[in-house]
Amino acid sequence: MLVAALAATTAWPSAAEEPAGMSPAAELEAELATTAPVELDGNRLFWVRGISAYPAEQRAGRIKDRIEALARNPDFQADELRLVESDLGVKIMAGDQLVMNIFDADARSEGVRRSVLAAINLDRIRQAIADYRQARSPHALLREGLFSLGATAVLVLALLAWLGRRTDELIARRVQYRIGSLGIQSFEIVRAERIGNAVRRFLYAIRILLMLLAILIYLDFVLARFPWTRAVANRLFDGVTGPLATMGQALVGEIPDLIFLAILFYVSRFVLRLIRLFFDAVARETVTLAGFEAEWAVPTYKIARFAVIAFSLIVAYPYIPGSHSDAFKGISIFLGVLFSLGSSSAIANVIAGYLMTYRRAF
């Protein structure tokens, strides 16, 4: 079966990647299997399928090792690769050594016949062997080394230029001077100093971001020059932009909840202002309530404010980004326990103070 056949090819050379005969169940399993790319020096050659007993990553790794071993052998010529038909599929052979098998499941996943796929994979393997050897030739290594040295010199000069603060200081002084002139006329000297410091911090942040971007571009350029580090260069930008893209998508998905939170914030703020205006009027005795003393206005306002804020937090909790995660819930419980343990005496004193106020003990 296909399962036993793919698992049997654990060593190279091997006569085949699986024994003869594929049951319908094995064919169905192959169709449902995952795929993995065969890469050499960071260049993707083609995709192969696998099954649970012989995962696609394992199969791709062994095919890659066989191609790399052929490329390292100076006595082997890429023209010696040939196609051999079998009952199970088409073999790509290097003399008497197996490079890979192309099965019907591989061809069906690509939407072509297995003979066509075998011919395409054969050409890609030949080209990969030629590129492998050319990339490691003394001439190519010298050329790429000079390119890397030039990129390093450009990066160093750029960093030396960006590290200087003369431009930042000049811009900050001009901005502070302009704002300072207006501030003197309106008697707001401190405002100029604060905005000048903000400009300096903003320029410093821009310079740091540009430096990080330049270093990232430099690493991608230099690592891509050499075959041993080309795979790292291919994943470098994905490793940086991947988390940013994930956060951006998450932020876009949270926009409706953020809009709700913003509306809730302004509604709660409006309600608090109305409550404060009302109790200020009660405290000034502009508004009188039967049986309600004027000195009760301020503590009653504080109780009402606490109730409104607590109600708003309860309503907002499900809409806070990340509130459904286990980490958020764990932190919330932890903070609640700390607050309950550390504030028990303070809450008791507050309650006692309110009781004395409403009983008019003073």
Protein backbone atom coordinates (compact mmCIF):
# COMPACT_ATOMS: atom_id res chain seq x y z
CA MET A 1 0.00 0.00 0.00
CA LEU A 2 0.98 3.65 -0.40
CA VAL A 3 1.37 4.09 3.35
CA ALA A 4 3.87 1.28 3.68
CA ALA A 5 5.62 2.28 0.48
CA LEU A 6 6.22 5.91 1.45
CA ALA A 7 7.37 4.91 4.92
CA ALA A 8 9.76 2.34 3.49
CA THR A 9 11.92 4.92 1.71
CA THR A 10 13.97 5.88 4.74
CA ALA A 11 17.38 5.54 3.17
CA TRP A 12 18.98 6.54 -0.12
CA PRO A 13 19.65 4.99 -2.55
CA SER A 14 16.44 3.03 -2.71
CA ALA A 15 14.77 1.05 -5.42
CA ALA A 16 11.41 2.81 -5.04
CA GLU A 17 9.48 5.08 -2.74
CA GLU A 18 6.80 2.44 -2.19
CA PRO A 19 6.07 -1.16 -3.13
CA ALA A 20 3.85 -2.20 -5.99
CA GLY A 21 0.12 -2.08 -5.61
CA MET A 22 -2.12 0.71 -4.35
CA SER A 23 -5.46 -0.12 -2.83
CA PRO A 24 -8.41 2.25 -3.29
CA ALA A 25 -8.19 3.16 0.39
CA ALA A 26 -4.53 4.11 -0.03
CA GLU A 27 -5.34 6.23 -3.05
CA LEU A 28 -8.09 8.01 -1.14
CA GLU A 29 -5.73 8.63 1.78
CA ALA A 30 -3.14 10.04 -0.58
CA GLU A 31 -5.72 12.39 -2.04
CA LEU A 32 -6.59 13.68 1.43
CA ALA A 33 -2.95 14.03 2.51
CA THR A 34 -1.07 17.28 3.07
CA THR A 35 1.62 18.77 0.85
CA ALA A 36 5.05 20.25 1.50
CA PRO A 37 7.54 22.11 -0.72
CA VAL A 38 10.88 20.72 -1.84
CA GLU A 39 13.37 23.57 -1.43
CA LEU A 40 17.06 23.81 -2.26
CA ASP A 41 19.08 26.87 -1.19
CA GLY A 42 15.84 28.66 -0.35
CA ASN A 43 14.41 28.16 -3.85
CA ARG A 44 11.16 26.25 -4.09
CA LEU A 45 11.28 23.50 -6.72
CA PHE A 46 7.89 21.77 -6.43
CA TRP A 47 5.37 20.34 -3.97
CA VAL A 48 4.97 16.73 -2.89
CA ARG A 49 2.20 14.93 -1.03
CA GLY A 50 2.39 12.77 2.05
CA ILE A 51 0.23 10.67 4.30
CA SER A 52 -0.04 10.17 8.04
CA ALA A 53 2.52 7.34 8.07
CA TYR A 54 4.92 9.26 5.82
CA PRO A 55 4.31 13.03 6.23
CA ALA A 56 4.83 15.37 3.33
CA GLU A 57 7.57 17.27 5.19
CA GLN A 58 9.55 14.08 5.70
CA ARG A 59 9.17 13.04 2.08
CA ALA A 60 10.15 16.53 0.86
CA GLY A 61 13.20 16.54 3.13
CA ARG A 62 14.47 13.23 1.80
CA ILE A 63 13.99 14.28 -1.82
CA LYS A 64 15.85 17.50 -1.06
CA ASP A 65 18.73 15.57 0.54
CA ARG A 66 19.01 13.35 -2.55
CA ILE A 67 19.08 16.31 -4.92
CA GLU A 68 21.66 18.08 -2.77
CA ALA A 69 23.85 14.99 -2.64
CA LEU A 70 23.78 14.81 -6.44
CA ALA A 71 24.67 18.49 -6.71
CA ARG A 72 27.63 18.06 -4.35
CA ASN A 73 28.98 15.17 -6.40
CA PRO A 74 31.31 16.74 -9.00
CA ASP A 75 31.34 13.53 -11.06
CA PHE A 76 27.58 13.58 -11.58
CA GLN A 77 26.13 15.33 -14.61
CA ALA A 78 22.57 16.61 -14.57
CA ASP A 79 21.96 15.09 -18.01
CA GLU A 80 22.25 11.65 -16.44
CA LEU A 81 18.84 12.10 -14.82
CA ARG A 82 16.15 10.09 -16.57
CA LEU A 83 12.52 9.06 -16.26
CA VAL A 84 11.50 5.45 -15.70
CA GLU A 85 7.87 4.32 -15.90
CA SER A 86 6.59 1.87 -13.28
CA ASP A 87 3.27 0.42 -12.19
CA LEU A 88 3.02 2.93 -9.35
CA GLY A 89 4.16 6.06 -11.15
CA VAL A 90 7.14 7.66 -12.83
CA LYS A 91 10.58 7.45 -11.25
CA ILE A 92 13.28 10.08 -11.60
CA MET A 93 16.52 8.13 -11.55
CA ALA A 94 20.16 9.15 -11.31
CA GLY A 95 21.82 6.06 -12.73
CA ASP A 96 20.67 3.26 -10.46
CA GLN A 97 19.77 5.64 -7.63
CA LEU A 98 16.23 6.87 -7.04
CA VAL A 99 15.70 10.61 -6.72
CA MET A 100 11.91 10.66 -6.36
CA ASN A 101 8.68 9.05 -7.49
CA ILE A 102 5.77 10.90 -9.07
CA PHE A 103 2.47 9.24 -8.17
CA ASP A 104 -0.98 9.70 -9.60
CA ALA A 105 -1.96 11.55 -6.41
CA ASP A 106 0.83 14.08 -7.04
CA ALA A 107 -0.36 14.61 -10.60
CA ARG A 108 -4.00 14.96 -9.61
CA SER A 109 -3.16 17.63 -7.06
CA GLU A 110 -1.47 19.64 -9.84
CA GLY A 111 -4.22 18.96 -12.37
CA VAL A 112 -1.93 17.34 -14.95
CA ARG A 113 -0.92 13.86 -16.04
CA ARG A 114 1.87 12.20 -14.11
CA SER A 115 4.11 12.03 -17.21
CA VAL A 116 3.81 15.79 -17.67
CA LEU A 117 4.50 16.44 -13.99
CA ALA A 118 7.48 14.09 -14.08
CA ALA A 119 8.99 15.95 -17.04
CA ILE A 120 8.52 19.32 -15.30
CA ASN A 121 10.06 18.08 -12.05
CA LEU A 122 12.97 16.58 -13.98
CA ASP A 123 13.76 19.94 -15.59
CA ARG A 124 13.51 21.71 -12.24
CA ILE A 125 15.86 19.24 -10.58
CA ARG A 126 18.40 19.68 -13.38
CA GLN A 127 18.18 23.46 -13.10
CA ALA A 128 18.43 23.27 -9.29
CA ILE A 129 21.63 21.22 -9.54
CA ALA A 130 23.12 23.74 -11.99
CA ASP A 131 22.12 26.69 -9.78
CA TYR A 132 23.49 24.93 -6.68
CA ARG A 133 26.92 24.53 -8.25
CA GLN A 134 26.98 27.96 -9.87
CA ALA A 135 26.09 29.70 -6.56
CA ARG A 136 29.08 28.05 -4.88
CA SER A 137 31.61 28.82 -7.59
CA PRO A 138 34.54 31.09 -6.57
CA HIS A 139 33.48 33.76 -9.07
CA ALA A 140 29.89 33.89 -7.75
CA LEU A 141 31.01 33.95 -4.10
CA LEU A 142 33.48 36.77 -4.82
CA ARG A 143 30.82 38.80 -6.62
CA GLU A 144 28.23 38.34 -3.88
CA GLY A 145 30.85 39.10 -1.24
CA LEU A 146 31.66 42.42 -2.92
CA PHE A 147 27.97 43.26 -3.12
CA SER A 148 27.60 42.49 0.59
CA LEU A 149 30.64 44.61 1.44
CA GLY A 150 29.20 47.53 -0.51
CA ALA A 151 25.85 47.16 1.24
CA THR A 152 27.63 47.12 4.60
CA ALA A 153 29.47 50.34 3.76
CA VAL A 154 26.21 52.03 2.72
CA LEU A 155 24.52 50.91 5.94
CA VAL A 156 27.37 52.20 8.10
CA LEU A 157 27.34 55.59 6.38
CA ALA A 158 23.56 55.80 6.72
CA LEU A 159 23.69 54.94 10.41
CA LEU A 160 26.41 57.52 11.04
CA ALA A 161 24.32 60.15 9.28
CA TRP A 162 21.12 59.23 11.12
CA LEU A 163 22.78 58.99 14.50
CA GLY A 164 23.73 62.64 14.31
CA ARG A 165 21.26 64.91 16.04
CA ARG A 166 22.16 68.19 14.33
CA THR A 167 19.17 68.01 11.99
CA ASP A 168 16.80 67.10 14.80
CA GLU A 169 18.08 69.90 17.01
CA LEU A 170 17.80 72.43 14.17
CA ILE A 171 14.19 71.47 13.43
CA ALA A 172 13.26 71.40 17.12
CA ARG A 173 14.80 74.83 17.74
CA ARG A 174 12.97 76.39 14.80
CA VAL A 175 9.66 74.90 15.89
CA GLN A 176 10.22 75.97 19.47
CA TYR A 177 11.16 79.47 18.33
CA ARG A 178 7.98 79.85 16.28
CA ILE A 179 5.78 78.52 19.04
CA GLY A 180 7.75 80.48 21.62
CA SER A 181 7.01 83.76 19.84
CA LEU A 182 3.31 83.02 19.93
CA GLY A 183 3.62 81.88 23.50
CA ILE A 184 5.17 85.13 24.63
CA GLN A 185 2.33 87.13 23.11
CA SER A 186 -0.23 84.91 24.85
CA PHE A 187 1.84 84.46 28.04
CA GLU A 188 2.24 80.71 27.51
CA ILE A 189 6.01 80.19 27.56
CA VAL A 190 5.81 76.64 28.97
CA ARG A 191 3.77 75.48 25.99
CA ALA A 192 6.67 76.19 23.64
CA GLU A 193 9.08 74.12 25.71
CA ARG A 194 6.72 71.15 25.85
CA ILE A 195 6.02 71.17 22.11
CA GLY A 196 9.74 71.49 21.42
CA ASN A 197 10.41 68.38 23.51
CA ALA A 198 7.57 66.56 21.75
CA VAL A 199 9.09 67.41 18.37
CA ARG A 200 12.44 66.06 19.49
CA ARG A 201 10.88 62.79 20.69
CA PHE A 202 8.91 62.45 17.45
CA LEU A 203 12.03 62.95 15.32
CA TYR A 204 13.93 60.49 17.49
CA ALA A 205 11.20 57.85 17.00
CA ILE A 206 11.22 58.42 13.22
CA ARG A 207 15.00 58.03 13.14
CA ILE A 208 14.83 54.77 15.10
CA LEU A 209 12.16 53.37 12.76
CA LEU A 210 14.22 54.30 9.69
CA MET A 211 17.31 52.69 11.21
CA LEU A 212 15.44 49.47 11.94
CA LEU A 213 13.99 49.42 8.41
CA ALA A 214 17.44 49.99 6.91
CA ILE A 215 18.91 47.16 9.00
CA LEU A 216 16.09 44.84 7.95
CA ILE A 217 16.62 45.65 4.25
CA TYR A 218 20.36 45.17 4.68
CA LEU A 219 19.97 41.76 6.30
CA ASP A 220 17.53 40.64 3.61
CA PHE A 221 19.91 41.78 0.85
CA VAL A 222 23.07 40.25 2.33
CA LEU A 223 21.50 36.97 3.44
CA ALA A 224 19.97 36.50 -0.01
CA ARG A 225 23.42 36.78 -1.62
CA PHE A 226 24.65 33.43 -0.32
CA PRO A 227 23.05 30.02 -0.82
CA TRP A 228 23.54 28.93 2.79
CA THR A 229 21.48 31.84 4.18
CA ARG A 230 19.01 32.39 1.34
CA ALA A 231 16.27 30.43 3.10
CA VAL A 232 16.62 32.70 6.14
CA ALA A 233 16.32 35.78 3.91
CA ASN A 234 13.14 34.40 2.35
CA ARG A 235 11.54 34.13 5.79
CA LEU A 236 12.96 37.35 7.22
CA PHE A 237 10.28 39.77 6.02
CA ASP A 238 7.56 37.20 6.71
CA GLY A 239 8.79 36.91 10.29
CA VAL A 240 8.53 40.69 10.75
CA THR A 241 5.48 41.52 8.66
CA GLY A 242 3.56 38.39 9.70
CA PRO A 243 2.89 39.54 13.28
CA LEU A 244 2.14 43.07 12.05
CA ALA A 245 -0.35 41.73 9.51
CA THR A 246 -1.95 39.56 12.18
CA MET A 247 -2.30 42.52 14.53
CA GLY A 248 -3.69 44.65 11.71
CA GLN A 249 -6.29 42.05 10.82
CA ALA A 250 -7.21 41.65 14.48
CA LEU A 251 -7.53 45.43 14.81
CA VAL A 252 -9.78 45.64 11.76
CA GLY A 253 -11.93 42.86 13.19
CA GLU A 254 -12.24 44.76 16.48
CA ILE A 255 -13.36 48.03 14.87
CA PRO A 256 -17.11 47.48 15.59
CA ASP A 257 -16.35 46.73 19.24
CA LEU A 258 -14.06 49.77 19.46
CA ILE A 259 -16.80 51.97 18.02
CA PHE A 260 -19.22 50.62 20.63
CA LEU A 261 -16.70 51.30 23.41
CA ALA A 262 -16.17 54.86 22.16
CA ILE A 263 -19.93 55.50 22.11
CA LEU A 264 -20.31 53.97 25.57
CA PHE A 265 -17.47 56.15 26.87
CA TYR A 266 -19.03 59.39 25.65
CA VAL A 267 -22.52 58.38 26.80
CA SER A 268 -21.20 57.53 30.28
CA ARG A 269 -19.26 60.78 30.37
CA PHE A 270 -22.40 62.72 29.45
CA VAL A 271 -24.42 60.95 32.16
CA LEU A 272 -21.73 61.70 34.74
CA ARG A 273 -21.78 65.38 33.81
CA LEU A 274 -25.57 65.50 34.20
CA ILE A 275 -25.32 63.81 37.59
CA ARG A 276 -22.62 66.22 38.71
CA LEU A 277 -24.62 69.27 37.59
CA PHE A 278 -27.64 67.96 39.47
CA PHE A 279 -25.84 67.31 42.75
CA ASP A 280 -23.93 70.61 42.48
CA ALA A 281 -27.29 72.30 42.32
CA VAL A 282 -28.45 70.29 45.34
CA ALA A 283 -25.30 71.27 47.25
CA ARG A 284 -25.92 74.97 46.47
CA GLU A 285 -29.58 74.41 47.49
CA THR A 286 -30.68 75.59 44.06
CA VAL A 287 -32.55 72.29 43.84
CA THR A 288 -34.15 71.00 47.00
CA LEU A 289 -35.28 67.46 47.72
CA ALA A 290 -37.65 66.63 50.53
CA GLY A 291 -35.79 64.92 53.36
CA PHE A 292 -32.42 65.25 51.56
CA GLU A 293 -29.80 67.38 53.30
CA ALA A 294 -27.52 69.61 51.21
CA GLU A 295 -24.34 68.17 52.77
CA TRP A 296 -25.34 64.75 51.42
CA ALA A 297 -24.96 65.94 47.82
CA VAL A 298 -21.22 65.40 47.44
CA PRO A 299 -21.03 61.86 48.94
CA THR A 300 -24.20 60.86 47.09
CA TYR A 301 -22.68 62.12 43.83
CA LYS A 302 -19.58 60.01 44.47
CA ILE A 303 -21.75 56.91 45.04
CA ALA A 304 -23.73 57.59 41.86
CA ARG A 305 -20.53 58.18 39.91
CA PHE A 306 -19.10 54.89 41.13
CA ALA A 307 -22.31 53.08 40.16
CA VAL A 308 -22.30 54.57 36.65
CA ILE A 309 -18.64 53.72 36.11
CA ALA A 310 -19.12 50.18 37.41
CA PHE A 311 -22.16 49.67 35.19
CA SER A 312 -20.25 51.01 32.17
CA LEU A 313 -17.35 48.64 32.84
CA ILE A 314 -19.73 45.70 33.11
CA VAL A 315 -21.34 46.61 29.80
CA ALA A 316 -17.97 47.26 28.13
CA TYR A 317 -16.21 44.13 29.36
CA PRO A 318 -17.41 41.74 26.59
CA TYR A 319 -16.41 44.29 23.93
CA ILE A 320 -12.86 44.86 25.18
CA PRO A 321 -10.36 43.33 22.67
CA GLY A 322 -9.02 40.08 24.08
CA SER A 323 -11.56 39.86 26.88
CA HIS A 324 -12.56 36.35 25.82
CA SER A 325 -9.01 35.01 26.02
CA ASP A 326 -7.91 32.88 28.95
CA ALA A 327 -4.98 35.20 29.65
CA PHE A 328 -7.26 38.24 29.99
CA LYS A 329 -9.64 36.36 32.27
CA GLY A 330 -6.77 35.08 34.42
CA ILE A 331 -5.31 38.57 34.82
CA SER A 332 -8.76 39.97 35.66
CA ILE A 333 -9.28 37.36 38.38
CA PHE A 334 -5.78 37.94 39.75
CA LEU A 335 -6.28 41.71 39.96
CA GLY A 336 -9.70 41.19 41.55
CA VAL A 337 -8.22 38.96 44.24
CA LEU A 338 -5.45 41.47 44.94
CA PHE A 339 -7.95 44.30 45.19
CA SER A 340 -10.27 42.38 47.50
CA LEU A 341 -7.44 41.33 49.81
CA GLY A 342 -5.66 44.66 49.88
CA SER A 343 -8.62 47.00 50.14
CA SER A 344 -10.87 45.29 52.70
CA SER A 345 -9.93 47.68 55.49
CA ALA A 346 -10.15 50.71 53.19
CA ILE A 347 -13.65 49.71 52.01
CA ALA A 348 -14.74 49.21 55.63
CA ASN A 349 -13.52 52.71 56.51
CA VAL A 350 -15.30 54.19 53.47
CA ILE A 351 -18.57 52.52 54.43
CA ALA A 352 -18.20 53.68 58.02
CA GLY A 353 -17.55 57.22 56.85
CA TYR A 354 -20.63 57.25 54.65
CA LEU A 355 -22.77 55.89 57.48
CA MET A 356 -21.56 58.68 59.77
CA THR A 357 -22.27 61.24 57.05
CA TYR A 358 -25.82 60.12 56.36
CA ARG A 359 -26.55 59.79 60.10
CA ARG A 360 -25.38 63.37 60.49
CA ALA A 361 -22.93 62.35 63.21
CA PHE A 362 -20.89 65.46 62.48
